[in-house]
Amino acid sequence: MRSVATALQLDACRNKTAELEANFAALRRLIQRVSYPGELFERLPPSPTNPLLARDLQNNLEFGDAGSFAPIECRGSICKVLVNRDAGARPVLDVGWSRKHVRSRQVSRGVEYFSMHENIASGRDILQRVADKFQRSGAIERCAARFRDEGTLNTILLLTGDEMETEDKPIGLSFRVDGELVGTPLGHCLTAALQPALEATELPLVYRSASLLMRFPEER
């Protein structure tokens, strides 16, 4: 009985930890959204796709007398352009392209920051990748080899965006379970193994809310 009680306590701790981490991740995304582009740029690391974004912006900017003192640098969805303050002019951005791709622009001490629109990621695709990775990890087979409980565990993966935030649905990744295996050693083993897969998932800044049902054992 003590081992079962300990398993229940550990499972509750893992679930609470997952909820707190999801809320911290949501807070980080909120800070990114309300920060000025220049502040956000300095905090972001470069990524392999940034040169492509910089080249796209370069092709749609006309510098004229403003002149560019250095190549355009992009980090995340923020691009930094150094301009000639003495020229008294700002780079001219193609209007049509700007409407589609630029969210805002900010000027600060001879530097222009462009905040670019990001594609809204599919929440369903994100959850499917989480499910596929977990199913390939071998965790299900290891738990089934250790415990012989009968029944099914229905696990609903939830990806909740800011627009769907409620008291019982924290922003980010979470899951709920029901079925005969809830509260059994096998059920605890499966949910404990799923938790690291959720924690290791890096969410994009903007995504659509979604849900996905996983059933253990899988129906044949």
N, C-alpha and C. Protein backbone atom coordinates (compact mmCIF):
# COMPACT_ATOMS: atom_id res chain seq x y z
N MET A 1 0.82 -1.21 0.00
CA MET A 1 0.00 0.00 0.00
C MET A 1 0.86 1.26 0.00
N ARG A 2 2.01 1.17 0.74
CA ARG A 2 2.86 2.34 0.80
C ARG A 2 3.42 2.70 -0.56
N SER A 3 3.80 1.67 -1.37
CA SER A 3 4.35 1.94 -2.69
C SER A 3 3.33 2.60 -3.60
N VAL A 4 2.06 2.17 -3.48
CA VAL A 4 1.00 2.78 -4.29
C VAL A 4 0.78 4.23 -3.88
N ALA A 5 0.77 4.49 -2.55
CA ALA A 5 0.60 5.86 -2.07
C ALA A 5 1.74 6.75 -2.52
N THR A 6 2.96 6.21 -2.47
CA THR A 6 4.13 6.98 -2.93
C THR A 6 4.01 7.30 -4.41
N ALA A 7 3.57 6.32 -5.18
CA ALA A 7 3.39 6.53 -6.62
C ALA A 7 2.36 7.62 -6.89
N LEU A 8 1.28 7.62 -6.09
CA LEU A 8 0.26 8.65 -6.26
C LEU A 8 0.80 10.03 -5.95
N GLN A 9 1.61 10.14 -4.89
CA GLN A 9 2.20 11.42 -4.52
C GLN A 9 3.16 11.93 -5.58
N LEU A 10 3.98 10.99 -6.09
CA LEU A 10 4.92 11.38 -7.15
C LEU A 10 4.19 11.83 -8.40
N ASP A 11 3.12 11.12 -8.74
CA ASP A 11 2.34 11.49 -9.93
C ASP A 11 1.72 12.87 -9.76
N ALA A 12 1.21 13.16 -8.56
CA ALA A 12 0.62 14.48 -8.31
C ALA A 12 1.67 15.58 -8.41
N CYS A 13 2.87 15.29 -7.89
CA CYS A 13 3.97 16.27 -7.97
C CYS A 13 4.37 16.54 -9.41
N ARG A 14 4.44 15.47 -10.22
CA ARG A 14 4.82 15.65 -11.63
C ARG A 14 3.77 16.46 -12.38
N ASN A 15 2.51 16.19 -12.10
CA ASN A 15 1.44 16.95 -12.76
C ASN A 15 1.49 18.42 -12.38
N LYS A 16 1.74 18.70 -11.09
CA LYS A 16 1.82 20.09 -10.64
C LYS A 16 3.03 20.78 -11.25
N THR A 17 4.15 20.06 -11.34
CA THR A 17 5.34 20.62 -11.97
C THR A 17 5.08 20.96 -13.43
N ALA A 18 4.38 20.07 -14.14
CA ALA A 18 4.05 20.32 -15.55
C ALA A 18 3.18 21.56 -15.69
N GLU A 19 2.22 21.71 -14.77
CA GLU A 19 1.33 22.88 -14.83
C GLU A 19 2.11 24.17 -14.60
N LEU A 20 3.03 24.16 -13.63
CA LEU A 20 3.83 25.35 -13.35
C LEU A 20 4.73 25.69 -14.52
N GLU A 21 5.35 24.66 -15.12
CA GLU A 21 6.24 24.91 -16.26
C GLU A 21 5.47 25.45 -17.46
N ALA A 22 4.25 24.96 -17.66
CA ALA A 22 3.41 25.47 -18.76
C ALA A 22 3.07 26.94 -18.53
N ASN A 23 2.79 27.29 -17.26
CA ASN A 23 2.47 28.68 -16.95
C ASN A 23 3.68 29.60 -17.10
N PHE A 24 4.87 29.10 -16.72
CA PHE A 24 6.09 29.88 -16.90
C PHE A 24 6.36 30.10 -18.39
N ALA A 25 6.14 29.05 -19.19
CA ALA A 25 6.35 29.19 -20.64
C ALA A 25 5.39 30.22 -21.22
N ALA A 26 4.13 30.21 -20.75
CA ALA A 26 3.16 31.19 -21.21
C ALA A 26 3.57 32.60 -20.82
N LEU A 27 4.12 32.74 -19.61
CA LEU A 27 4.58 34.05 -19.16
C LEU A 27 5.73 34.56 -20.01
N ARG A 28 6.65 33.66 -20.38
CA ARG A 28 7.77 34.06 -21.25
C ARG A 28 7.24 34.54 -22.59
N ARG A 29 6.24 33.83 -23.15
CA ARG A 29 5.68 34.26 -24.44
C ARG A 29 4.98 35.60 -24.32
N LEU A 30 4.30 35.82 -23.20
CA LEU A 30 3.61 37.10 -22.99
C LEU A 30 4.61 38.24 -22.90
N ILE A 31 5.73 38.02 -22.20
CA ILE A 31 6.77 39.05 -22.10
C ILE A 31 7.31 39.39 -23.48
N GLN A 32 7.49 38.35 -24.31
CA GLN A 32 7.98 38.59 -25.66
C GLN A 32 7.00 39.44 -26.47
N ARG A 33 5.71 39.20 -26.28
CA ARG A 33 4.71 39.92 -27.08
C ARG A 33 4.61 41.39 -26.69
N VAL A 34 4.78 41.71 -25.40
CA VAL A 34 4.60 43.08 -24.97
C VAL A 34 5.91 43.86 -24.93
N SER A 35 7.06 43.20 -25.11
CA SER A 35 8.34 43.91 -25.08
C SER A 35 8.50 44.74 -26.35
N TYR A 36 9.26 45.83 -26.24
CA TYR A 36 9.61 46.60 -27.42
C TYR A 36 10.54 45.75 -28.27
N PRO A 37 10.46 45.88 -29.61
CA PRO A 37 11.30 45.05 -30.47
C PRO A 37 12.78 45.12 -30.14
N GLY A 38 13.29 46.33 -29.82
CA GLY A 38 14.71 46.47 -29.50
C GLY A 38 15.11 45.69 -28.26
N GLU A 39 14.26 45.71 -27.24
CA GLU A 39 14.55 44.96 -26.01
C GLU A 39 14.53 43.46 -26.28
N LEU A 40 13.55 43.02 -27.05
CA LEU A 40 13.43 41.61 -27.35
C LEU A 40 14.61 41.13 -28.20
N PHE A 41 15.03 41.95 -29.17
CA PHE A 41 16.13 41.58 -30.06
C PHE A 41 17.38 41.25 -29.25
N GLU A 42 17.71 42.07 -28.27
CA GLU A 42 18.94 41.87 -27.50
C GLU A 42 18.90 40.60 -26.66
N ARG A 43 17.71 40.09 -26.38
CA ARG A 43 17.60 38.88 -25.56
C ARG A 43 17.57 37.60 -26.38
N LEU A 44 17.30 37.72 -27.67
CA LEU A 44 17.12 36.53 -28.50
C LEU A 44 18.45 36.05 -29.10
N PRO A 45 18.67 34.73 -29.16
CA PRO A 45 19.87 34.20 -29.83
C PRO A 45 19.63 34.10 -31.33
N PRO A 46 20.68 34.16 -32.14
CA PRO A 46 20.52 33.96 -33.59
C PRO A 46 20.06 32.52 -33.86
N SER A 47 19.41 32.33 -35.01
CA SER A 47 19.01 30.98 -35.41
C SER A 47 19.36 30.79 -36.89
N PRO A 48 19.43 29.52 -37.35
CA PRO A 48 19.83 29.25 -38.74
C PRO A 48 18.93 29.89 -39.79
N THR A 49 17.65 30.15 -39.45
CA THR A 49 16.73 30.72 -40.45
C THR A 49 16.81 32.24 -40.51
N ASN A 50 17.49 32.88 -39.58
CA ASN A 50 17.52 34.34 -39.54
C ASN A 50 18.12 34.99 -40.79
N PRO A 51 19.21 34.44 -41.38
CA PRO A 51 19.74 35.06 -42.60
C PRO A 51 18.73 35.12 -43.74
N LEU A 52 17.85 34.13 -43.84
CA LEU A 52 16.82 34.14 -44.88
C LEU A 52 15.83 35.27 -44.65
N LEU A 53 15.45 35.49 -43.41
CA LEU A 53 14.54 36.57 -43.07
C LEU A 53 15.20 37.92 -43.34
N ALA A 54 16.49 38.03 -43.00
CA ALA A 54 17.22 39.28 -43.23
C ALA A 54 17.31 39.59 -44.72
N ARG A 55 17.56 38.58 -45.53
CA ARG A 55 17.67 38.79 -46.98
C ARG A 55 16.32 39.21 -47.57
N ASP A 56 15.25 38.61 -47.06
CA ASP A 56 13.91 38.97 -47.54
C ASP A 56 13.61 40.43 -47.22
N LEU A 57 13.95 40.85 -46.00
CA LEU A 57 13.71 42.24 -45.61
C LEU A 57 14.59 43.18 -46.44
N GLN A 58 15.85 42.81 -46.66
CA GLN A 58 16.78 43.62 -47.44
C GLN A 58 16.22 43.87 -48.85
N ASN A 59 15.63 42.84 -49.43
CA ASN A 59 15.11 42.94 -50.80
C ASN A 59 13.89 43.85 -50.90
N ASN A 60 13.26 44.15 -49.76
CA ASN A 60 12.06 44.98 -49.77
C ASN A 60 12.25 46.33 -49.10
N LEU A 61 13.51 46.68 -48.83
CA LEU A 61 13.85 47.98 -48.25
C LEU A 61 14.60 48.82 -49.25
N GLU A 62 14.25 50.10 -49.34
CA GLU A 62 14.97 51.06 -50.18
C GLU A 62 15.63 52.06 -49.24
N PHE A 63 16.96 52.03 -49.17
CA PHE A 63 17.66 52.87 -48.21
C PHE A 63 17.82 54.31 -48.67
N GLY A 64 18.15 54.52 -49.93
CA GLY A 64 18.35 55.88 -50.43
C GLY A 64 19.39 56.62 -49.60
N ASP A 65 19.05 57.87 -49.19
CA ASP A 65 19.99 58.67 -48.40
C ASP A 65 20.16 58.14 -46.98
N ALA A 66 19.22 57.27 -46.52
CA ALA A 66 19.35 56.76 -45.16
C ALA A 66 20.58 55.89 -45.03
N GLY A 67 20.91 55.14 -46.09
CA GLY A 67 22.12 54.33 -46.09
C GLY A 67 22.16 53.30 -44.98
N SER A 68 22.64 52.12 -45.24
CA SER A 68 22.78 51.09 -44.21
C SER A 68 24.25 50.97 -43.85
N PHE A 69 24.55 51.06 -42.57
CA PHE A 69 25.93 50.99 -42.11
C PHE A 69 26.42 49.57 -41.92
N ALA A 70 25.51 48.62 -41.85
CA ALA A 70 25.88 47.23 -41.62
C ALA A 70 24.80 46.33 -42.19
N PRO A 71 25.11 45.05 -42.43
CA PRO A 71 24.08 44.13 -42.91
C PRO A 71 22.93 44.04 -41.91
N ILE A 72 21.75 43.75 -42.43
CA ILE A 72 20.59 43.56 -41.56
C ILE A 72 20.80 42.29 -40.74
N GLU A 73 20.48 42.36 -39.46
CA GLU A 73 20.61 41.20 -38.59
C GLU A 73 19.24 40.88 -37.99
N CYS A 74 18.87 39.61 -38.04
CA CYS A 74 17.59 39.17 -37.49
C CYS A 74 17.82 38.14 -36.39
N ARG A 75 17.00 38.25 -35.35
CA ARG A 75 17.00 37.26 -34.28
C ARG A 75 15.54 36.94 -33.96
N GLY A 76 15.21 35.67 -34.01
CA GLY A 76 13.81 35.31 -33.84
C GLY A 76 12.99 36.00 -34.92
N SER A 77 11.97 36.75 -34.54
CA SER A 77 11.13 37.46 -35.51
C SER A 77 11.42 38.95 -35.50
N ILE A 78 12.56 39.36 -34.94
CA ILE A 78 12.93 40.78 -34.87
C ILE A 78 14.17 41.02 -35.74
N CYS A 79 14.12 42.06 -36.59
CA CYS A 79 15.25 42.41 -37.44
C CYS A 79 15.76 43.81 -37.08
N LYS A 80 17.07 43.97 -37.09
CA LYS A 80 17.73 45.21 -36.70
C LYS A 80 18.44 45.80 -37.92
N VAL A 81 18.18 47.08 -38.18
CA VAL A 81 18.78 47.78 -39.33
C VAL A 81 19.46 49.05 -38.83
N LEU A 82 20.76 49.19 -39.08
CA LEU A 82 21.48 50.42 -38.74
C LEU A 82 21.32 51.42 -39.87
N VAL A 83 20.94 52.66 -39.55
CA VAL A 83 20.72 53.67 -40.57
C VAL A 83 21.55 54.92 -40.26
N ASN A 84 21.69 55.77 -41.26
CA ASN A 84 22.46 57.01 -41.13
C ASN A 84 21.54 58.10 -40.57
N ARG A 85 21.71 58.42 -39.30
CA ARG A 85 20.85 59.43 -38.66
C ARG A 85 21.08 60.82 -39.26
N ASP A 86 22.31 61.09 -39.71
CA ASP A 86 22.63 62.41 -40.25
C ASP A 86 21.90 62.68 -41.56
N ALA A 87 21.50 61.63 -42.26
CA ALA A 87 20.84 61.82 -43.55
C ALA A 87 19.41 62.34 -43.39
N GLY A 88 18.86 62.19 -42.19
CA GLY A 88 17.51 62.70 -41.93
C GLY A 88 16.43 61.95 -42.68
N ALA A 89 16.69 60.70 -43.05
CA ALA A 89 15.70 59.91 -43.78
C ALA A 89 15.65 58.50 -43.20
N ARG A 90 14.51 57.87 -43.40
CA ARG A 90 14.33 56.49 -42.95
C ARG A 90 14.24 55.57 -44.16
N PRO A 91 14.64 54.33 -44.02
CA PRO A 91 14.48 53.39 -45.12
C PRO A 91 13.01 53.26 -45.50
N VAL A 92 12.75 53.14 -46.77
CA VAL A 92 11.39 53.01 -47.26
C VAL A 92 11.09 51.54 -47.50
N LEU A 93 10.02 51.07 -46.90
CA LEU A 93 9.66 49.66 -47.00
C LEU A 93 8.52 49.47 -47.99
N ASP A 94 8.64 48.45 -48.83
CA ASP A 94 7.58 48.14 -49.79
C ASP A 94 6.25 47.96 -49.05
N VAL A 95 5.24 48.74 -49.43
CA VAL A 95 3.98 48.77 -48.68
C VAL A 95 3.27 47.43 -48.71
N GLY A 96 3.16 46.83 -49.88
CA GLY A 96 2.45 45.57 -49.99
C GLY A 96 3.10 44.46 -49.17
N TRP A 97 4.42 44.39 -49.25
CA TRP A 97 5.15 43.37 -48.49
C TRP A 97 5.03 43.63 -47.00
N SER A 98 5.09 44.92 -46.62
CA SER A 98 5.02 45.30 -45.21
C SER A 98 3.70 44.87 -44.59
N ARG A 99 2.60 45.05 -45.30
CA ARG A 99 1.29 44.70 -44.75
C ARG A 99 1.19 43.21 -44.43
N LYS A 100 1.88 42.41 -45.22
CA LYS A 100 1.81 40.96 -45.03
C LYS A 100 2.79 40.46 -43.97
N HIS A 101 3.94 41.13 -43.83
CA HIS A 101 5.03 40.53 -43.05
C HIS A 101 5.50 41.34 -41.85
N VAL A 102 5.20 42.64 -41.78
CA VAL A 102 5.74 43.47 -40.69
C VAL A 102 4.63 43.82 -39.71
N ARG A 103 4.85 43.49 -38.45
CA ARG A 103 3.87 43.79 -37.41
C ARG A 103 4.06 45.21 -36.88
N SER A 104 5.31 45.63 -36.66
CA SER A 104 5.59 46.97 -36.16
C SER A 104 7.05 47.32 -36.46
N ARG A 105 7.37 48.62 -36.37
CA ARG A 105 8.76 49.06 -36.51
C ARG A 105 9.02 50.16 -35.48
N GLN A 106 10.24 50.17 -34.94
CA GLN A 106 10.60 51.09 -33.88
C GLN A 106 11.97 51.69 -34.19
N VAL A 107 12.11 53.00 -33.99
CA VAL A 107 13.38 53.69 -34.22
C VAL A 107 13.98 54.08 -32.88
N SER A 108 15.27 53.78 -32.70
CA SER A 108 15.95 54.11 -31.45
C SER A 108 17.42 54.36 -31.72
N ARG A 109 17.85 55.64 -31.64
CA ARG A 109 19.27 56.02 -31.73
C ARG A 109 19.95 55.47 -32.99
N GLY A 110 19.35 55.76 -34.11
CA GLY A 110 19.96 55.36 -35.36
C GLY A 110 19.78 53.90 -35.71
N VAL A 111 18.91 53.21 -35.01
CA VAL A 111 18.65 51.80 -35.28
C VAL A 111 17.15 51.62 -35.49
N GLU A 112 16.80 50.89 -36.52
CA GLU A 112 15.39 50.53 -36.74
C GLU A 112 15.20 49.06 -36.44
N TYR A 113 14.16 48.77 -35.67
CA TYR A 113 13.81 47.39 -35.36
C TYR A 113 12.48 47.06 -36.03
N PHE A 114 12.46 45.96 -36.77
CA PHE A 114 11.26 45.50 -37.44
C PHE A 114 10.78 44.23 -36.76
N SER A 115 9.55 44.26 -36.26
CA SER A 115 8.94 43.08 -35.65
C SER A 115 8.10 42.40 -36.73
N MET A 116 8.48 41.18 -37.08
CA MET A 116 7.85 40.49 -38.19
C MET A 116 6.73 39.57 -37.71
N HIS A 117 5.71 39.42 -38.56
CA HIS A 117 4.65 38.46 -38.25
C HIS A 117 5.21 37.04 -38.31
N GLU A 118 4.76 36.20 -37.41
CA GLU A 118 5.14 34.79 -37.43
C GLU A 118 3.97 33.97 -37.94
N ASN A 119 4.30 32.87 -38.59
CA ASN A 119 3.24 31.95 -38.99
C ASN A 119 2.64 31.31 -37.73
N ILE A 120 1.32 31.16 -37.71
CA ILE A 120 0.66 30.53 -36.58
C ILE A 120 0.77 29.01 -36.74
N ALA A 121 1.48 28.39 -35.82
CA ALA A 121 1.72 26.95 -35.91
C ALA A 121 0.44 26.17 -35.62
N SER A 122 0.31 25.02 -36.26
CA SER A 122 -0.84 24.15 -36.05
C SER A 122 -0.68 23.41 -34.72
N GLY A 123 -1.61 23.64 -33.80
CA GLY A 123 -1.56 22.94 -32.52
C GLY A 123 -1.71 21.44 -32.69
N ARG A 124 -2.54 21.04 -33.64
CA ARG A 124 -2.73 19.60 -33.90
C ARG A 124 -1.43 18.95 -34.33
N ASP A 125 -0.67 19.62 -35.19
CA ASP A 125 0.62 19.07 -35.64
C ASP A 125 1.60 18.95 -34.48
N ILE A 126 1.61 19.97 -33.61
CA ILE A 126 2.51 19.93 -32.45
C ILE A 126 2.18 18.73 -31.56
N LEU A 127 0.90 18.53 -31.27
CA LEU A 127 0.49 17.41 -30.42
C LEU A 127 0.78 16.07 -31.08
N GLN A 128 0.61 15.99 -32.38
CA GLN A 128 0.88 14.73 -33.07
C GLN A 128 2.35 14.38 -32.99
N ARG A 129 3.23 15.40 -33.07
CA ARG A 129 4.67 15.14 -32.94
C ARG A 129 5.01 14.66 -31.53
N VAL A 130 4.35 15.26 -30.53
CA VAL A 130 4.56 14.82 -29.15
C VAL A 130 4.14 13.36 -28.99
N ALA A 131 2.95 13.02 -29.52
CA ALA A 131 2.44 11.65 -29.41
C ALA A 131 3.34 10.66 -30.13
N ASP A 132 3.78 11.02 -31.34
CA ASP A 132 4.64 10.12 -32.11
C ASP A 132 5.97 9.88 -31.40
N LYS A 133 6.54 10.94 -30.85
CA LYS A 133 7.82 10.81 -30.15
C LYS A 133 7.68 9.92 -28.93
N PHE A 134 6.59 10.08 -28.20
CA PHE A 134 6.37 9.27 -27.01
C PHE A 134 6.17 7.80 -27.39
N GLN A 135 5.41 7.55 -28.43
CA GLN A 135 5.15 6.17 -28.84
C GLN A 135 6.42 5.48 -29.36
N ARG A 136 7.35 6.26 -29.93
CA ARG A 136 8.61 5.68 -30.42
C ARG A 136 9.64 5.51 -29.31
N SER A 137 9.40 6.11 -28.15
CA SER A 137 10.41 6.12 -27.09
C SER A 137 10.59 4.77 -26.41
N GLY A 138 9.62 3.87 -26.55
CA GLY A 138 9.69 2.57 -25.88
C GLY A 138 9.15 2.59 -24.46
N ALA A 139 8.70 3.77 -24.00
CA ALA A 139 8.21 3.88 -22.62
C ALA A 139 6.97 3.02 -22.40
N ILE A 140 6.08 2.96 -23.38
CA ILE A 140 4.85 2.17 -23.22
C ILE A 140 5.19 0.69 -23.02
N GLU A 141 6.12 0.19 -23.82
CA GLU A 141 6.50 -1.22 -23.72
C GLU A 141 7.19 -1.50 -22.39
N ARG A 142 8.01 -0.56 -21.93
CA ARG A 142 8.70 -0.78 -20.65
C ARG A 142 7.72 -0.82 -19.49
N CYS A 143 6.73 0.07 -19.52
CA CYS A 143 5.73 0.07 -18.45
C CYS A 143 4.89 -1.20 -18.50
N ALA A 144 4.50 -1.63 -19.69
CA ALA A 144 3.68 -2.83 -19.83
C ALA A 144 4.42 -4.07 -19.39
N ALA A 145 5.75 -4.08 -19.55
CA ALA A 145 6.55 -5.23 -19.11
C ALA A 145 6.66 -5.29 -17.59
N ARG A 146 6.57 -4.13 -16.94
CA ARG A 146 6.71 -4.08 -15.47
C ARG A 146 5.40 -4.35 -14.75
N PHE A 147 4.30 -3.88 -15.33
CA PHE A 147 3.00 -3.98 -14.66
C PHE A 147 1.99 -4.65 -15.58
N ARG A 148 1.16 -5.50 -15.00
CA ARG A 148 0.22 -6.31 -15.78
C ARG A 148 -1.23 -5.92 -15.56
N ASP A 149 -1.48 -4.68 -15.20
CA ASP A 149 -2.87 -4.25 -14.96
C ASP A 149 -3.68 -4.32 -16.26
N GLU A 150 -4.94 -4.65 -16.11
CA GLU A 150 -5.84 -4.77 -17.26
C GLU A 150 -6.65 -3.48 -17.42
N GLY A 151 -6.94 -3.14 -18.67
CA GLY A 151 -7.78 -1.98 -18.94
C GLY A 151 -7.12 -1.02 -19.91
N THR A 152 -7.70 0.16 -20.04
CA THR A 152 -7.15 1.18 -20.95
C THR A 152 -6.94 2.48 -20.19
N LEU A 153 -6.05 3.29 -20.74
CA LEU A 153 -5.82 4.63 -20.21
C LEU A 153 -6.03 5.61 -21.35
N ASN A 154 -7.08 6.42 -21.26
CA ASN A 154 -7.34 7.44 -22.27
C ASN A 154 -6.65 8.73 -21.85
N THR A 155 -5.71 9.17 -22.65
CA THR A 155 -4.93 10.37 -22.34
C THR A 155 -5.24 11.45 -23.36
N ILE A 156 -5.77 12.56 -22.89
CA ILE A 156 -6.08 13.68 -23.77
C ILE A 156 -4.96 14.71 -23.65
N LEU A 157 -4.20 14.87 -24.72
CA LEU A 157 -3.18 15.92 -24.76
C LEU A 157 -3.85 17.25 -25.08
N LEU A 158 -3.50 18.27 -24.35
CA LEU A 158 -4.10 19.60 -24.54
C LEU A 158 -3.02 20.62 -24.83
N LEU A 159 -3.23 21.40 -25.85
CA LEU A 159 -2.37 22.54 -26.15
C LEU A 159 -3.26 23.77 -26.13
N THR A 160 -3.08 24.60 -25.11
CA THR A 160 -3.97 25.73 -24.90
C THR A 160 -3.25 27.03 -25.17
N GLY A 161 -3.80 27.84 -26.07
CA GLY A 161 -3.24 29.15 -26.37
C GLY A 161 -3.85 30.21 -25.48
N ASP A 162 -3.33 31.43 -25.59
CA ASP A 162 -3.80 32.53 -24.76
C ASP A 162 -5.30 32.77 -24.90
N GLU A 163 -5.83 32.57 -26.12
CA GLU A 163 -7.23 32.88 -26.35
C GLU A 163 -8.16 31.88 -25.69
N MET A 164 -7.62 30.73 -25.25
CA MET A 164 -8.44 29.68 -24.65
C MET A 164 -8.16 29.49 -23.17
N GLU A 165 -7.40 30.42 -22.56
CA GLU A 165 -7.00 30.24 -21.17
C GLU A 165 -8.22 30.23 -20.24
N THR A 166 -8.28 29.20 -19.40
CA THR A 166 -9.31 29.12 -18.37
C THR A 166 -8.64 28.62 -17.10
N GLU A 167 -9.39 28.64 -16.03
CA GLU A 167 -8.83 28.24 -14.74
C GLU A 167 -8.38 26.78 -14.75
N ASP A 168 -9.13 25.92 -15.46
CA ASP A 168 -8.80 24.50 -15.47
C ASP A 168 -8.01 24.09 -16.70
N LYS A 169 -7.63 25.05 -17.55
CA LYS A 169 -6.81 24.75 -18.73
C LYS A 169 -5.64 25.72 -18.78
N PRO A 170 -4.51 25.39 -18.14
CA PRO A 170 -3.37 26.29 -18.17
C PRO A 170 -2.82 26.45 -19.58
N ILE A 171 -2.28 27.63 -19.87
CA ILE A 171 -1.68 27.88 -21.17
C ILE A 171 -0.50 26.93 -21.37
N GLY A 172 -0.37 26.39 -22.57
CA GLY A 172 0.74 25.49 -22.89
C GLY A 172 0.26 24.05 -22.99
N LEU A 173 1.20 23.13 -22.76
CA LEU A 173 0.92 21.70 -22.87
C LEU A 173 0.49 21.12 -21.53
N SER A 174 -0.54 20.30 -21.56
CA SER A 174 -0.98 19.59 -20.37
C SER A 174 -1.71 18.33 -20.84
N PHE A 175 -2.13 17.49 -19.90
CA PHE A 175 -2.90 16.32 -20.30
C PHE A 175 -3.85 15.92 -19.19
N ARG A 176 -4.89 15.16 -19.60
CA ARG A 176 -5.86 14.60 -18.66
C ARG A 176 -6.01 13.12 -18.97
N VAL A 177 -6.35 12.37 -17.95
CA VAL A 177 -6.50 10.92 -18.15
C VAL A 177 -7.81 10.43 -17.57
N ASP A 178 -8.33 9.37 -18.19
CA ASP A 178 -9.45 8.62 -17.61
C ASP A 178 -9.35 7.18 -18.11
N GLY A 179 -10.20 6.33 -17.60
CA GLY A 179 -10.16 4.92 -17.98
C GLY A 179 -9.83 4.02 -16.81
N GLU A 180 -9.85 2.70 -17.08
CA GLU A 180 -9.65 1.71 -16.01
C GLU A 180 -8.26 1.75 -15.40
N LEU A 181 -7.26 2.23 -16.13
CA LEU A 181 -5.89 2.21 -15.62
C LEU A 181 -5.55 3.40 -14.73
N VAL A 182 -6.46 4.36 -14.61
CA VAL A 182 -6.20 5.51 -13.74
C VAL A 182 -6.06 5.02 -12.30
N GLY A 183 -4.99 5.41 -11.63
CA GLY A 183 -4.76 5.02 -10.25
C GLY A 183 -4.03 3.70 -10.08
N THR A 184 -3.80 2.97 -11.18
CA THR A 184 -3.07 1.70 -11.09
C THR A 184 -1.58 1.93 -11.29
N PRO A 185 -0.73 0.99 -10.88
CA PRO A 185 0.71 1.13 -11.11
C PRO A 185 1.06 1.35 -12.59
N LEU A 186 0.36 0.63 -13.48
CA LEU A 186 0.63 0.82 -14.91
C LEU A 186 0.23 2.21 -15.36
N GLY A 187 -0.91 2.69 -14.86
CA GLY A 187 -1.35 4.04 -15.22
C GLY A 187 -0.37 5.10 -14.73
N HIS A 188 0.13 4.94 -13.50
CA HIS A 188 1.12 5.88 -12.97
C HIS A 188 2.41 5.85 -13.79
N CYS A 189 2.81 4.66 -14.17
CA CYS A 189 4.04 4.51 -14.95
C CYS A 189 3.92 5.23 -16.30
N LEU A 190 2.78 5.08 -16.95
CA LEU A 190 2.57 5.71 -18.26
C LEU A 190 2.54 7.23 -18.16
N THR A 191 1.81 7.75 -17.18
CA THR A 191 1.72 9.21 -17.06
C THR A 191 3.05 9.82 -16.64
N ALA A 192 3.80 9.09 -15.79
CA ALA A 192 5.12 9.59 -15.38
C ALA A 192 6.08 9.60 -16.55
N ALA A 193 5.95 8.64 -17.45
CA ALA A 193 6.82 8.59 -18.63
C ALA A 193 6.43 9.66 -19.65
N LEU A 194 5.15 10.01 -19.71
CA LEU A 194 4.69 11.02 -20.66
C LEU A 194 5.16 12.42 -20.29
N GLN A 195 5.28 12.67 -18.99
CA GLN A 195 5.61 14.02 -18.53
C GLN A 195 6.89 14.59 -19.15
N PRO A 196 8.01 13.84 -19.18
CA PRO A 196 9.23 14.39 -19.80
C PRO A 196 9.06 14.74 -21.28
N ALA A 197 8.22 13.97 -21.98
CA ALA A 197 7.99 14.27 -23.40
C ALA A 197 7.32 15.63 -23.56
N LEU A 198 6.41 15.96 -22.65
CA LEU A 198 5.76 17.28 -22.71
C LEU A 198 6.76 18.38 -22.34
N GLU A 199 7.54 18.14 -21.31
CA GLU A 199 8.48 19.16 -20.84
C GLU A 199 9.55 19.45 -21.88
N ALA A 200 9.90 18.46 -22.70
CA ALA A 200 10.95 18.63 -23.70
C ALA A 200 10.45 19.29 -24.98
N THR A 201 9.15 19.52 -25.07
CA THR A 201 8.58 20.11 -26.29
C THR A 201 8.75 21.62 -26.28
N GLU A 202 9.41 22.14 -27.30
CA GLU A 202 9.61 23.58 -27.42
C GLU A 202 8.47 24.16 -28.25
N LEU A 203 7.69 25.03 -27.63
CA LEU A 203 6.54 25.59 -28.32
C LEU A 203 6.91 26.86 -29.06
N PRO A 204 6.31 27.08 -30.25
CA PRO A 204 6.53 28.35 -30.96
C PRO A 204 5.85 29.49 -30.21
N LEU A 205 6.18 30.71 -30.61
CA LEU A 205 5.61 31.87 -29.95
C LEU A 205 4.10 31.95 -30.14
N VAL A 206 3.64 31.58 -31.33
CA VAL A 206 2.21 31.66 -31.65
C VAL A 206 1.75 30.31 -32.18
N TYR A 207 0.65 29.78 -31.63
CA TYR A 207 0.13 28.51 -32.08
C TYR A 207 -1.37 28.45 -31.82
N ARG A 208 -2.02 27.52 -32.50
CA ARG A 208 -3.46 27.34 -32.33
C ARG A 208 -3.71 26.28 -31.24
N SER A 209 -4.75 26.49 -30.45
CA SER A 209 -5.13 25.53 -29.43
C SER A 209 -5.63 24.24 -30.10
N ALA A 210 -5.40 23.11 -29.41
CA ALA A 210 -5.81 21.83 -29.99
C ALA A 210 -5.85 20.78 -28.89
N SER A 211 -6.43 19.63 -29.22
CA SER A 211 -6.42 18.49 -28.32
C SER A 211 -6.24 17.22 -29.14
N LEU A 212 -5.73 16.17 -28.49
CA LEU A 212 -5.46 14.91 -29.19
C LEU A 212 -5.62 13.77 -28.20
N LEU A 213 -6.36 12.73 -28.60
CA LEU A 213 -6.59 11.58 -27.74
C LEU A 213 -5.55 10.50 -28.03
N MET A 214 -4.90 10.03 -26.95
CA MET A 214 -4.01 8.86 -27.02
C MET A 214 -4.63 7.78 -26.13
N ARG A 215 -4.66 6.54 -26.63
CA ARG A 215 -5.25 5.44 -25.86
C ARG A 215 -4.20 4.35 -25.65
N PHE A 216 -4.01 3.94 -24.40
CA PHE A 216 -3.08 2.88 -24.07
C PHE A 216 -3.86 1.70 -23.45
N PRO A 217 -3.66 0.46 -23.87
CA PRO A 217 -2.86 0.14 -25.06
C PRO A 217 -3.58 0.54 -26.32
N GLU A 218 -2.83 0.71 -27.40
CA GLU A 218 -3.44 1.14 -28.66
C GLU A 218 -4.39 0.08 -29.17
N GLU A 219 -5.48 0.55 -29.79
CA GLU A 219 -6.43 -0.38 -30.38
C GLU A 219 -5.84 -1.00 -31.63
N ARG A 220 -6.03 -2.26 -31.79
CA ARG A 220 -5.52 -2.98 -32.96
C ARG A 220 -6.59 -3.12 -34.03
